[in-house]
Amino acid sequence: MPGDKSVSHRAVMLGSIAEGDTIIKNFLTGEDCLATMNCFKELGVKFEGPFGEDLLVHGKGLRGLSEPSGILDAANSGTTMRLIMGILSGQPFLSVITGDQSLVRRPMGRVVAPLAEMGASIMGRNENTLAPLAIRGGKLRPIDYISPVASAQVKSAVLLAGLYTGGKTTVTEPAKSRDHTERMLRHFGAAVETAGNTVSVYGGPTLRGAEINVPGDISSAAFLMVAAAVVPGSELVIENVGTNPTRDGIISALKSMGADITLFNSREMNGEPVSDIRVRHSRLKGAVLEGNLIPKMIDEIPAIAVAACAATGETVVRDAAELKVKESDRISAIVSGLRNMGVNIAGMPDGFIIRPGNRLKGAEVETGKDHRIAMAMAVAGLMAEGETVIKDYDCVNISFPGFYDVLKSIAKE
């Protein structure tokens, strides 16, 4: 599997503000992670590579970044923009960051608010909630922040800003979001404390360059897992997949639907749990997916929607309103695409309901240039009778370059 997108982003960021060199192995060369790398190049960080899947980062230290001469471009990457805002908030200079037409419509206020509370000056469109954003960094103060949403991006931005304070910065969430930032901060030498849904970081650490082995991305693997689960006669082994417990909701969800999934060869790589995953075709049944499970599988819900098309019984996904502010409104995109293929699906403000009974038929489907929607529709196309045409199909390069080649290589006529 290609490297985990979340881990690749964070490895570039922490490697850039660490002392010495960081080598990132199995770095994801998708467009989102390259956007992060390019932003740090503008901040004075030197890189070698990527050479194949290896990237060398020459760290500048916590306070070694330089004022950019131009505007930082996060392209389509919300992770880039939201997390780098935490680092930029601690810099003694002005920076401006923007993105593509999709990213400048996505909400940034949930990150701006706590960073402003810490002392950063951030200005942008729509009362400082939309990019482009101008960030005047400076001396930050630690805060105890109670986040209204379970969001790894909000939490990470605050923790990264906390590195530039003189004390202890704490974030408490309503449910635990993915914890890659906390794990990697420890790997680079920061002092981090966790208790339940609360995490704290101490300011002013000396981060040391490290070797990062990026596990395979479970969000990308999810689409291959679903393909193997729904196509009769299938058996698929996917190696070196990150199985972080804050990200393994797709496995729990598929198992609750009756999927035949086995994890083996489990181990740790730089603080991240990794396993090989075997998936065999099985008869799936409907399920209700909600509550604390949703933050653990938010990016994989398009894949789950496709699995539900093969299930007997009704599948309900709720508490997933966050899908509406992803690269596209994923609730609308899922409902529109699958309905176009003949699925009995009804949208809700925070999810959808899929009822069994109709066979999928090939159709022309829109992706909204959303990589997860494109992959979901491709897997749905494997199940459908007739030809499926996917518009703007190449958006998969954001997270899974070569996805169609991989799918073709494992799919038998």
Protein backbone atom coordinates (compact mmCIF):
# COMPACT_ATOMS: atom_id res chain seq x y z
CA MET A 1 0.00 0.00 0.00
CA PRO A 2 1.12 3.59 -0.53
CA GLY A 3 2.23 5.37 2.63
CA ASP A 4 -0.32 6.72 5.08
CA LYS A 5 -1.28 10.26 4.13
CA SER A 6 -1.74 11.51 7.70
CA VAL A 7 1.61 10.11 8.84
CA SER A 8 3.43 11.42 5.75
CA HIS A 9 2.13 14.97 6.33
CA ARG A 10 3.22 14.95 9.96
CA ALA A 11 6.63 13.42 9.22
CA VAL A 12 7.42 16.30 6.83
CA MET A 13 6.21 18.92 9.32
CA LEU A 14 8.03 17.59 12.39
CA GLY A 15 11.12 16.70 10.36
CA SER A 16 11.22 20.32 9.15
CA ILE A 17 11.21 21.78 12.68
CA ALA A 18 13.53 19.14 14.16
CA GLU A 19 17.29 19.43 14.63
CA GLY A 20 19.21 17.36 12.08
CA ASP A 21 18.03 15.08 9.31
CA THR A 22 14.88 13.00 9.10
CA ILE A 23 14.55 10.13 6.64
CA ILE A 24 10.96 9.26 5.69
CA LYS A 25 10.51 5.79 4.18
CA ASN A 26 7.39 4.84 2.19
CA PHE A 27 6.53 8.55 1.94
CA LEU A 28 3.25 9.09 0.12
CA THR A 29 4.01 11.01 -3.07
CA GLY A 30 0.36 11.99 -3.50
CA GLU A 31 -0.51 15.58 -4.34
CA ASP A 32 -1.59 16.47 -0.78
CA CYS A 33 1.70 15.44 0.84
CA LEU A 34 3.72 17.13 -1.90
CA ALA A 35 1.79 20.32 -1.10
CA THR A 36 3.02 20.09 2.50
CA MET A 37 6.59 19.55 1.31
CA ASN A 38 6.37 22.53 -1.05
CA CYS A 39 5.08 24.80 1.72
CA PHE A 40 8.07 23.96 3.91
CA LYS A 41 10.42 24.52 0.98
CA GLU A 42 9.05 28.08 0.89
CA LEU A 43 9.82 28.31 4.62
CA GLY A 44 13.49 27.53 3.97
CA VAL A 45 13.59 23.76 4.53
CA LYS A 46 15.74 21.69 2.16
CA PHE A 47 14.67 18.26 0.95
CA GLU A 48 16.35 15.50 -1.01
CA GLY A 49 13.93 13.40 -3.03
CA PRO A 50 11.54 11.88 -2.99
CA PHE A 51 13.67 9.12 -4.49
CA GLY A 52 11.10 6.43 -5.13
CA GLU A 53 9.40 6.28 -1.75
CA ASP A 54 12.19 7.81 0.37
CA LEU A 55 12.43 11.47 1.35
CA LEU A 56 15.25 13.17 3.26
CA VAL A 57 14.38 16.29 5.29
CA HIS A 58 17.13 18.65 6.48
CA GLY A 59 15.51 20.03 9.62
CA LYS A 60 15.81 23.71 10.57
CA GLY A 61 14.98 23.37 14.25
CA LEU A 62 11.97 24.64 16.14
CA ARG A 63 12.79 28.30 15.46
CA GLY A 64 14.75 28.00 12.23
CA LEU A 65 12.02 28.59 9.62
CA SER A 66 12.30 31.64 7.36
CA GLU A 67 9.66 34.15 6.31
CA PRO A 68 8.32 33.07 2.90
CA SER A 69 8.72 35.51 0.02
CA GLY A 70 5.46 34.40 -1.59
CA ILE A 71 2.10 32.91 -0.72
CA LEU A 72 2.10 29.33 0.61
CA ASP A 73 -0.09 27.03 -1.50
CA ALA A 74 -1.78 24.11 0.28
CA ALA A 75 -3.43 23.06 -3.02
CA ASN A 76 -6.33 20.71 -2.13
CA SER A 77 -4.98 19.67 1.27
CA GLY A 78 -6.96 20.62 4.35
CA THR A 79 -4.45 18.77 6.51
CA THR A 80 -1.63 20.93 5.16
CA MET A 81 -3.45 24.17 5.79
CA ARG A 82 -4.87 23.41 9.22
CA LEU A 83 -1.77 21.83 10.73
CA ILE A 84 0.76 24.28 9.32
CA MET A 85 -1.31 27.12 10.80
CA GLY A 86 -0.28 25.84 14.23
CA ILE A 87 3.40 26.02 13.33
CA LEU A 88 3.10 29.39 11.56
CA SER A 89 1.34 30.85 14.60
CA GLY A 90 4.57 30.45 16.55
CA GLN A 91 6.84 32.14 14.00
CA PRO A 92 8.08 35.73 14.35
CA PHE A 93 7.03 36.66 10.83
CA LEU A 94 4.07 37.07 8.49
CA SER A 95 2.87 34.28 6.25
CA VAL A 96 -0.08 33.94 3.91
CA ILE A 97 -1.57 30.58 2.93
CA THR A 98 -4.20 29.68 0.35
CA GLY A 99 -5.39 26.67 -1.63
CA ASP A 100 -7.37 25.58 -4.66
CA GLN A 101 -11.01 26.37 -5.38
CA SER A 102 -12.19 23.53 -3.12
CA LEU A 103 -9.94 24.34 -0.16
CA VAL A 104 -10.79 28.05 -0.02
CA ARG A 105 -14.42 27.06 0.56
CA ARG A 106 -13.66 24.73 3.47
CA PRO A 107 -14.07 26.00 7.06
CA MET A 108 -10.96 27.13 8.93
CA GLY A 109 -12.64 28.93 11.82
CA ARG A 110 -12.45 25.89 14.10
CA VAL A 111 -8.64 26.13 13.90
CA VAL A 112 -8.39 29.93 13.87
CA ALA A 113 -10.33 30.29 17.14
CA PRO A 114 -7.97 28.39 19.48
CA LEU A 115 -4.85 29.75 17.76
CA ALA A 116 -6.15 33.29 18.23
CA GLU A 117 -6.78 32.45 21.90
CA MET A 118 -3.11 31.48 22.12
CA GLY A 119 -2.09 34.91 20.79
CA ALA A 120 -1.74 34.47 17.02
CA SER A 121 -3.12 37.17 14.73
CA ILE A 122 -4.98 35.50 11.85
CA MET A 123 -6.98 37.32 9.20
CA GLY A 124 -9.00 35.87 6.35
CA ARG A 125 -12.25 35.99 4.42
CA ASN A 126 -15.67 35.56 5.99
CA GLU A 127 -14.66 36.91 9.41
CA ASN A 128 -11.35 35.04 9.44
CA THR A 129 -12.87 31.61 8.73
CA LEU A 130 -11.92 31.07 5.07
CA ALA A 131 -8.65 31.13 3.15
CA PRO A 132 -6.60 32.89 2.02
CA LEU A 133 -5.37 33.43 5.58
CA ALA A 134 -2.68 35.85 6.74
CA ILE A 135 -0.92 34.72 9.92
CA ARG A 136 1.19 37.07 12.03
CA GLY A 137 2.94 34.73 14.44
CA GLY A 138 4.65 35.63 17.65
CA LYS A 139 4.84 34.84 21.32
CA LEU A 140 2.13 32.31 22.13
CA ARG A 141 0.64 31.39 25.49
CA PRO A 142 -0.42 27.87 26.49
CA ILE A 143 -4.14 27.15 26.79
CA ASP A 144 -6.48 24.44 28.01
CA TYR A 145 -8.75 24.04 25.00
CA ILE A 146 -12.04 22.14 25.05
CA SER A 147 -12.76 21.36 21.42
CA PRO A 148 -16.43 21.29 20.37
CA VAL A 149 -15.62 18.64 17.75
CA ALA A 150 -13.49 15.50 17.64
CA SER A 151 -11.02 16.66 15.01
CA ALA A 152 -7.42 15.51 14.67
CA GLN A 153 -6.69 18.58 12.57
CA VAL A 154 -7.89 21.01 15.24
CA LYS A 155 -6.11 19.07 17.98
CA SER A 156 -2.89 18.85 15.97
CA ALA A 157 -2.84 22.56 15.11
CA VAL A 158 -3.17 23.49 18.79
CA LEU A 159 -0.52 20.96 19.90
CA LEU A 160 1.93 22.14 17.24
CA ALA A 161 1.36 25.75 18.32
CA GLY A 162 1.89 24.56 21.89
CA LEU A 163 5.50 23.71 21.01
CA TYR A 164 6.10 27.47 20.76
CA THR A 165 4.77 28.34 24.22
CA GLY A 166 6.48 28.44 27.58
CA GLY A 167 4.17 25.99 29.28
CA LYS A 168 1.71 23.12 28.96
CA THR A 169 -0.94 23.20 26.23
CA THR A 170 -3.92 20.86 26.60
CA VAL A 171 -6.70 19.79 24.23
CA THR A 172 -9.80 17.89 25.31
CA GLU A 173 -12.17 16.42 22.71
CA PRO A 174 -15.71 15.01 22.96
CA ALA A 175 -14.36 11.76 21.45
CA LYS A 176 -10.81 10.68 20.74
CA SER A 177 -9.70 11.59 17.20
CA ARG A 178 -6.76 10.02 15.38
CA ASP A 179 -3.56 10.37 17.42
CA HIS A 180 -0.75 10.33 14.85
CA THR A 181 0.49 13.76 15.97
CA GLU A 182 0.88 12.70 19.60
CA ARG A 183 2.70 9.51 18.65
CA MET A 184 5.07 11.28 16.29
CA LEU A 185 5.77 14.15 18.68
CA ARG A 186 6.99 11.54 21.19
CA HIS A 187 9.09 9.87 18.48
CA PHE A 188 10.84 13.22 17.81
CA GLY A 189 11.44 13.83 21.53
CA ALA A 190 8.59 16.08 22.71
CA ALA A 191 6.99 15.61 26.13
CA VAL A 192 3.39 14.50 25.59
CA GLU A 193 0.77 13.38 28.12
CA THR A 194 -2.51 11.62 27.31
CA ALA A 195 -5.48 10.71 29.49
CA GLY A 196 -8.69 9.57 27.84
CA ASN A 197 -9.78 12.24 25.35
CA THR A 198 -7.27 14.78 26.71
CA VAL A 199 -3.74 15.32 25.38
CA SER A 200 -1.08 17.80 26.51
CA VAL A 201 2.26 18.93 25.12
CA TYR A 202 5.02 20.93 26.81
CA GLY A 203 6.48 23.90 24.95
CA GLY A 204 10.09 24.50 23.98
CA PRO A 205 11.32 20.97 23.27
CA THR A 206 14.39 20.15 21.22
CA LEU A 207 13.03 17.91 18.51
CA ARG A 208 15.60 15.50 17.05
CA GLY A 209 15.61 14.22 13.46
CA ALA A 210 14.46 10.63 13.24
CA GLU A 211 13.75 7.76 10.88
CA ILE A 212 10.08 7.38 10.03
CA ASN A 213 8.75 4.23 8.39
CA VAL A 214 5.33 5.23 7.10
CA PRO A 215 2.79 2.38 7.33
CA GLY A 216 0.40 1.66 4.47
CA ASP A 217 -2.66 3.90 4.47
CA ILE A 218 -5.74 2.17 5.89
CA SER A 219 -7.96 4.82 4.26
CA SER A 220 -6.68 3.70 0.86
CA ALA A 221 -6.66 0.02 1.81
CA ALA A 222 -10.34 0.33 2.78
CA PHE A 223 -11.43 0.43 -0.86
CA LEU A 224 -9.51 -2.76 -1.69
CA MET A 225 -10.87 -4.41 1.46
CA VAL A 226 -14.42 -3.63 0.39
CA ALA A 227 -13.71 -4.85 -3.15
CA ALA A 228 -12.54 -8.21 -1.79
CA ALA A 229 -15.50 -8.41 0.61
CA VAL A 230 -18.18 -7.81 -2.03
CA VAL A 231 -16.84 -9.52 -5.19
CA PRO A 232 -17.67 -13.27 -5.07
CA GLY A 233 -14.69 -15.63 -4.95
CA SER A 234 -12.25 -13.00 -3.75
CA GLU A 235 -9.37 -13.37 -1.32
CA LEU A 236 -6.89 -10.56 -0.82
CA VAL A 237 -3.91 -9.99 1.49
CA ILE A 238 -2.84 -6.37 2.00
CA GLU A 239 0.54 -5.99 3.68
CA ASN A 240 1.93 -3.37 6.08
CA VAL A 241 -1.32 -1.51 6.78
CA GLY A 242 -1.47 0.99 9.64
CA THR A 243 -3.97 -0.27 12.21
CA ASN A 244 -3.87 2.62 14.65
CA PRO A 245 -6.81 2.14 17.07
CA THR A 246 -8.03 5.67 16.31
CA ARG A 247 -8.21 4.75 12.60
CA ASP A 248 -9.42 1.13 12.55
CA GLY A 249 -13.16 1.86 12.46
CA ILE A 250 -13.40 0.46 8.92
CA ILE A 251 -12.34 -2.95 10.22
CA SER A 252 -14.87 -2.84 13.08
CA ALA A 253 -17.62 -1.66 10.74
CA LEU A 254 -16.98 -4.33 8.10
CA LYS A 255 -16.79 -7.06 10.76
CA SER A 256 -20.13 -5.89 12.20
CA MET A 257 -21.52 -6.38 8.69
CA GLY A 258 -20.21 -9.95 8.59
CA ALA A 259 -17.02 -9.42 6.59
CA ASP A 260 -14.35 -12.14 6.79
CA ILE A 261 -11.31 -10.12 7.90
CA THR A 262 -8.19 -11.41 9.67
CA LEU A 263 -5.27 -9.34 10.98
CA PHE A 264 -1.89 -11.05 11.34
CA ASN A 265 1.83 -10.28 11.60
CA SER A 266 0.96 -7.37 13.90
CA ARG A 267 3.84 -5.15 15.02
CA GLU A 268 4.88 -1.51 15.65
CA MET A 269 6.77 0.90 13.40
CA ASN A 270 7.97 4.16 15.04
CA GLY A 271 5.11 4.01 17.52
CA GLU A 272 2.40 3.13 14.97
CA PRO A 273 0.69 -0.29 15.01
CA VAL A 274 0.87 -2.16 11.70
CA SER A 275 -0.66 -5.43 10.49
CA ASP A 276 -1.17 -7.52 7.39
CA ILE A 277 -4.87 -7.88 6.55
CA ARG A 278 -6.59 -10.81 4.84
CA VAL A 279 -10.08 -10.26 3.43
CA ARG A 280 -12.27 -12.95 1.88
CA HIS A 281 -15.63 -12.55 0.17
CA SER A 282 -18.57 -13.15 2.49
CA ARG A 283 -22.28 -12.43 2.69
CA LEU A 284 -22.69 -9.02 4.28
CA LYS A 285 -25.59 -7.81 6.37
CA GLY A 286 -26.81 -4.31 7.13
CA ALA A 287 -25.68 -2.46 10.24
CA VAL A 288 -26.18 0.80 12.13
CA LEU A 289 -22.92 2.74 12.22
CA GLU A 290 -22.89 5.74 14.55
CA GLY A 291 -21.45 7.43 17.62
CA ASN A 292 -17.80 7.11 18.60
CA LEU A 293 -17.14 4.71 15.72
CA ILE A 294 -17.58 7.48 13.15
CA PRO A 295 -14.44 9.57 13.94
CA LYS A 296 -12.43 6.33 13.60
CA MET A 297 -13.64 5.78 10.02
CA ILE A 298 -14.71 9.19 8.72
CA ASP A 299 -12.55 8.99 5.56
CA GLU A 300 -13.63 5.41 4.85
CA ILE A 301 -17.40 6.00 4.88
CA PRO A 302 -17.56 6.17 1.06
CA ALA A 303 -16.11 2.64 1.03
CA ILE A 304 -18.62 1.48 3.66
CA ALA A 305 -21.45 2.86 1.51
CA VAL A 306 -20.35 0.59 -1.32
CA ALA A 307 -20.18 -2.40 1.02
CA ALA A 308 -23.74 -1.64 2.14
CA CYS A 309 -24.90 -2.01 -1.47
CA ALA A 310 -24.02 -5.72 -1.26
CA ALA A 311 -25.58 -6.28 2.17
CA THR A 312 -28.88 -7.89 3.09
CA GLY A 313 -30.83 -5.59 5.37
CA GLU A 314 -30.72 -1.86 5.91
CA THR A 315 -27.50 0.03 6.62
CA VAL A 316 -27.67 3.36 8.47
CA VAL A 317 -24.76 5.77 8.83
CA ARG A 318 -25.34 8.72 11.15
CA ASP A 319 -23.35 11.24 13.25
CA ALA A 320 -21.21 11.88 10.15
CA ALA A 321 -22.06 15.52 9.36
CA GLU A 322 -18.30 16.13 9.09
CA LEU A 323 -18.55 14.50 5.64
CA LYS A 324 -20.21 17.67 4.34
CA VAL A 325 -17.02 19.72 4.74
CA LYS A 326 -14.49 17.33 3.22
CA GLU A 327 -13.01 17.74 -0.27
CA SER A 328 -16.62 17.64 -1.41
CA ASP A 329 -19.96 17.29 0.35
CA ARG A 330 -19.43 13.56 0.60
CA ILE A 331 -22.95 12.82 1.79
CA SER A 332 -24.40 14.38 -1.35
CA ALA A 333 -21.74 12.79 -3.54
CA ILE A 334 -22.35 9.30 -2.13
CA VAL A 335 -26.13 9.61 -2.43
CA SER A 336 -25.98 11.03 -5.96
CA GLY A 337 -23.43 8.54 -7.28
CA LEU A 338 -25.00 5.40 -5.85
CA ARG A 339 -28.54 6.48 -6.69
CA ASN A 340 -27.37 6.98 -10.25
CA MET A 341 -26.27 3.33 -10.20
CA GLY A 342 -29.71 2.17 -9.04
CA VAL A 343 -29.16 1.98 -5.27
CA ASN A 344 -32.05 2.69 -2.90
CA ILE A 345 -30.29 5.34 -0.82
CA ALA A 346 -31.67 8.27 1.16
CA GLY A 347 -29.54 11.12 2.44
CA MET A 348 -29.77 12.60 5.93
CA PRO A 349 -28.15 15.75 7.37
CA ASP A 350 -25.56 13.60 9.11
CA GLY A 351 -25.42 10.48 6.96
CA PHE A 352 -27.52 8.19 4.82
CA ILE A 353 -29.67 5.03 4.72
CA ILE A 354 -29.10 2.26 2.16
CA ARG A 355 -31.84 -0.32 1.66
CA PRO A 356 -31.21 -3.58 -0.22
CA GLY A 357 -33.05 -4.94 -3.20
CA ASN A 358 -31.74 -3.26 -6.34
CA ARG A 359 -28.80 -4.59 -8.36
CA LEU A 360 -26.19 -2.00 -9.24
CA LYS A 361 -26.09 -0.94 -12.87
CA GLY A 362 -23.25 0.79 -14.66
CA ALA A 363 -23.64 4.55 -15.01
CA GLU A 364 -21.75 7.79 -15.52
CA VAL A 365 -20.90 9.18 -12.07
CA GLU A 366 -19.50 12.48 -10.84
CA THR A 367 -16.70 12.64 -8.30
CA GLY A 368 -16.62 16.36 -7.54
CA LYS A 369 -12.83 15.85 -7.94
CA ASP A 370 -12.90 14.02 -4.58
CA HIS A 371 -10.41 11.15 -4.44
CA ARG A 372 -12.39 9.03 -1.97
CA ILE A 373 -15.57 9.32 -4.03
CA ALA A 374 -13.69 8.30 -7.18
CA MET A 375 -12.31 5.18 -5.49
CA ALA A 376 -15.71 4.30 -4.05
CA MET A 377 -17.37 4.56 -7.45
CA ALA A 378 -14.65 2.39 -9.02
CA VAL A 379 -15.32 -0.38 -6.49
CA ALA A 380 -19.07 0.01 -7.01
CA GLY A 381 -18.36 -0.38 -10.73
CA LEU A 382 -16.85 -3.82 -10.05
CA MET A 383 -20.22 -4.90 -8.63
CA ALA A 384 -22.37 -3.25 -11.29
CA GLU A 385 -23.83 -4.73 -14.44
CA GLY A 386 -22.49 -2.86 -17.47
CA GLU A 387 -19.97 -0.08 -17.87
CA THR A 388 -19.30 2.59 -15.25
CA VAL A 389 -17.72 5.88 -16.32
CA ILE A 390 -16.04 7.96 -13.59
CA LYS A 391 -15.71 11.69 -14.27
CA ASP A 392 -12.50 13.43 -13.12
CA TYR A 393 -11.14 9.99 -12.26
CA ASP A 394 -7.54 11.16 -11.84
CA CYS A 395 -8.26 12.95 -8.55
CA VAL A 396 -7.21 9.66 -6.87
CA ASN A 397 -3.63 10.96 -7.22
CA ILE A 398 -4.31 13.11 -4.16
CA SER A 399 -3.99 10.07 -1.89
CA PHE A 400 -3.46 6.89 -3.96
CA PRO A 401 -1.34 7.35 -7.09
CA GLY A 402 -1.68 4.22 -9.22
CA PHE A 403 -5.00 3.18 -7.66
CA TYR A 404 -6.52 2.02 -10.94
CA ASP A 405 -3.40 0.03 -11.84
CA VAL A 406 -3.52 -1.71 -8.47
CA LEU A 407 -7.23 -2.43 -8.82
CA LYS A 408 -6.69 -3.81 -12.32
CA SER A 409 -3.81 -5.99 -11.14
CA ILE A 410 -5.87 -7.70 -8.42
CA ALA A 411 -9.20 -7.91 -10.28
CA LYS A 412 -9.75 -11.00 -12.42
CA GLU A 413 -11.95 -10.92 -15.52
